[in-house]
Amino acid sequence: MKGRSEIDYSPVRPLPFPSQLVSCHDADETNGEALMPTGTVKWFNATKGYGFIHPDGGGADVFVHISAVEKAGLSKLDDGQKLSFDLEAGRQGKTSAVNLKLA
């Protein structure tokens, strides 16, 4: 048939899941190791299941969910507590703290 285009039947690969870990580490100039960002718990409500961390380097407060707290082996966070963490971009583009470690 004239004007008929060919159909490409090559396999279609799915796009990666939108939740990707965002690297926000600074390199330690003395030994080249990556440093996790640190911050202070602004507030955390275990009943609501979330709170916020104020980054030591300044900038917007970072959302933290109870699931990240529990994965760190903790049951709650205390206001004023120092933490190190990674940032993760969620499905809706919102960033949250993960891989929490007490500083």
Protein backbone atom coordinates (compact mmCIF):
# COMPACT_ATOMS: atom_id res chain seq x y z
CA MET A 1 0.00 0.00 0.00
CA LYS A 2 1.24 3.43 -0.86
CA GLY A 3 1.95 5.79 2.11
CA ARG A 4 1.85 3.02 4.71
CA SER A 5 4.52 3.45 7.39
CA GLU A 6 6.35 0.54 8.91
CA ILE A 7 5.49 -0.45 12.46
CA ASP A 8 8.37 -0.84 14.90
CA TYR A 9 7.85 -4.00 16.96
CA SER A 10 11.07 -3.67 18.98
CA PRO A 11 10.63 -4.33 22.72
CA VAL A 12 9.53 -1.39 24.82
CA ARG A 13 11.41 -0.84 28.04
CA PRO A 14 9.71 0.78 31.03
CA LEU A 15 11.07 4.02 32.39
CA PRO A 16 12.78 3.81 35.78
CA PHE A 17 10.62 4.39 38.86
CA PRO A 18 10.47 8.13 39.58
CA SER A 19 11.62 7.74 43.17
CA GLN A 20 15.36 8.05 42.84
CA LEU A 21 17.91 8.64 45.56
CA VAL A 22 19.39 12.10 45.14
CA SER A 23 23.09 12.33 45.86
CA CYS A 24 23.64 15.31 48.08
CA HIS A 25 26.97 14.29 49.56
CA ASP A 26 29.95 16.57 49.75
CA ALA A 27 33.38 15.07 49.24
CA ASP A 28 35.67 15.22 52.26
CA GLU A 29 38.78 16.94 50.90
CA THR A 30 41.08 15.15 53.35
CA ASN A 31 40.29 11.56 52.35
CA GLY A 32 37.83 11.79 49.44
CA GLU A 33 34.99 10.04 51.32
CA ALA A 34 31.43 11.26 50.90
CA LEU A 35 29.86 13.07 53.83
CA MET A 36 26.13 12.85 54.51
CA PRO A 37 24.37 16.16 55.13
CA THR A 38 23.51 16.84 58.75
CA GLY A 39 20.69 18.69 60.41
CA THR A 40 18.64 19.21 63.55
CA VAL A 41 15.14 17.86 64.12
CA LYS A 42 12.86 20.90 64.04
CA TRP A 43 9.88 18.85 65.18
CA PHE A 44 8.60 15.31 64.87
CA ASN A 45 5.15 13.98 65.75
CA ALA A 46 5.12 10.18 66.11
CA THR A 47 1.29 10.17 66.17
CA LYS A 48 1.08 11.96 62.82
CA GLY A 49 4.05 9.97 61.54
CA TYR A 50 6.17 12.79 60.19
CA GLY A 51 8.25 15.85 60.99
CA PHE A 52 10.95 18.14 59.64
CA ILE A 53 14.73 18.43 59.84
CA HIS A 54 16.49 21.79 59.50
CA PRO A 55 19.69 21.26 57.45
CA ASP A 56 22.90 22.55 59.04
CA GLY A 57 23.93 24.10 55.72
CA GLY A 58 20.74 26.17 55.59
CA GLY A 59 17.96 25.98 53.06
CA ALA A 60 14.46 24.59 53.26
CA ASP A 61 13.47 22.19 56.02
CA VAL A 62 13.46 18.53 54.96
CA PHE A 63 10.40 16.30 55.41
CA VAL A 64 11.00 13.06 57.34
CA HIS A 65 8.46 10.20 57.44
CA ILE A 66 8.04 7.67 60.26
CA SER A 67 9.05 4.87 57.85
CA ALA A 68 12.54 6.39 57.51
CA VAL A 69 12.76 6.68 61.30
CA GLU A 70 11.76 3.03 61.78
CA LYS A 71 14.19 1.85 59.07
CA ALA A 72 16.93 3.56 61.08
CA GLY A 73 15.96 1.43 64.10
CA LEU A 74 14.40 4.35 65.97
CA SER A 75 10.88 4.75 67.32
CA LYS A 76 10.82 8.56 67.31
CA LEU A 77 12.91 11.67 66.86
CA ASP A 78 13.36 14.30 69.55
CA ASP A 79 13.24 18.03 68.86
CA GLY A 80 16.80 19.36 68.65
CA GLN A 81 18.30 15.92 67.91
CA LYS A 82 21.25 15.96 65.45
CA LEU A 83 21.08 13.61 62.44
CA SER A 84 22.83 12.80 59.21
CA PHE A 85 20.66 11.75 56.28
CA ASP A 86 20.31 11.28 52.53
CA LEU A 87 17.65 12.94 50.39
CA GLU A 88 15.17 11.04 48.25
CA ALA A 89 12.94 12.52 45.56
CA GLY A 90 9.45 11.04 45.81
CA ARG A 91 6.75 10.40 43.21
CA GLN A 92 5.37 13.92 43.32
CA GLY A 93 8.78 15.59 43.26
CA LYS A 94 8.84 16.19 47.00
CA THR A 95 12.12 15.52 48.80
CA SER A 96 12.35 13.59 52.06
CA ALA A 97 15.09 12.45 54.41
CA VAL A 98 16.11 8.76 54.33
CA ASN A 99 19.00 6.65 55.68
CA LEU A 100 18.90 8.50 59.00
CA LYS A 101 21.85 8.20 61.37
CA LEU A 102 22.22 9.81 64.77
CA ALA A 103 25.06 12.35 64.71
